[in-house]
Amino acid sequence: MSAAPVQQRNPAPQDTVEHERPRYSIGEVSDRCGLTRDTLRWYERIGLMDYVGRDHSGQRRFSDRDLGWLAFIGKLRRTGMSVADMVKYAELVRAGEHTYPERLEMFRRTRAEVLTQIEELQSTLVVLDYKIELYGGGQTCDPPAGSNDAARVESNGTARVGSNGTARQGD
């Protein structure tokens, strides 16, 4: 079952003006986003961010819109997307709606990669849970399925058999 599409409201003109009004210094954004000032400057320099507004003295002033973009970029970073692909995405966004098909393909590919990462992490979690049970005084039993015998503990509890069939000392 697929989720219902998210309905986005069109902000009133006043809301848009406020959302895009430059208001935050680079230090405030650094604190809010957990990114260094140098990283924020770099993001702008490489085109990952649109031009950031400046105040009367030439210092960067970020808007709520910029903060939203940085939060989104943070999520893309957590997927493992490369900086080059993030910059490519930013360029596609700036190019306009005619790039939707490319953006869609980019996100479908990233989603598939994330699902693979999740599967790998779930498999790792099974092995960790087994080890926690083992070391916590639980029963020794066969290792979890799909662990390639890496977690197998021999009956004396001191050796295990690696995936190549050789006995290895203790865990």
Foldseek 3Di string as FASTA:
>chain_A
DDDDDDDDDDDDPVVVCQQFDFDAFLVRLCVVLVHDSVVVVVCPVLQLDDDFDADPVGGGTGGNVNSVSSVVVVVVVVLVDDPVVSNVVSVLVVVDDVCVVVVVVVVVVSVVSSVVVVVVVVVVVQQVVLVCCVVVPHDQDQRDPPPLQPNHADPVRFWGAHNVGDIDGRD
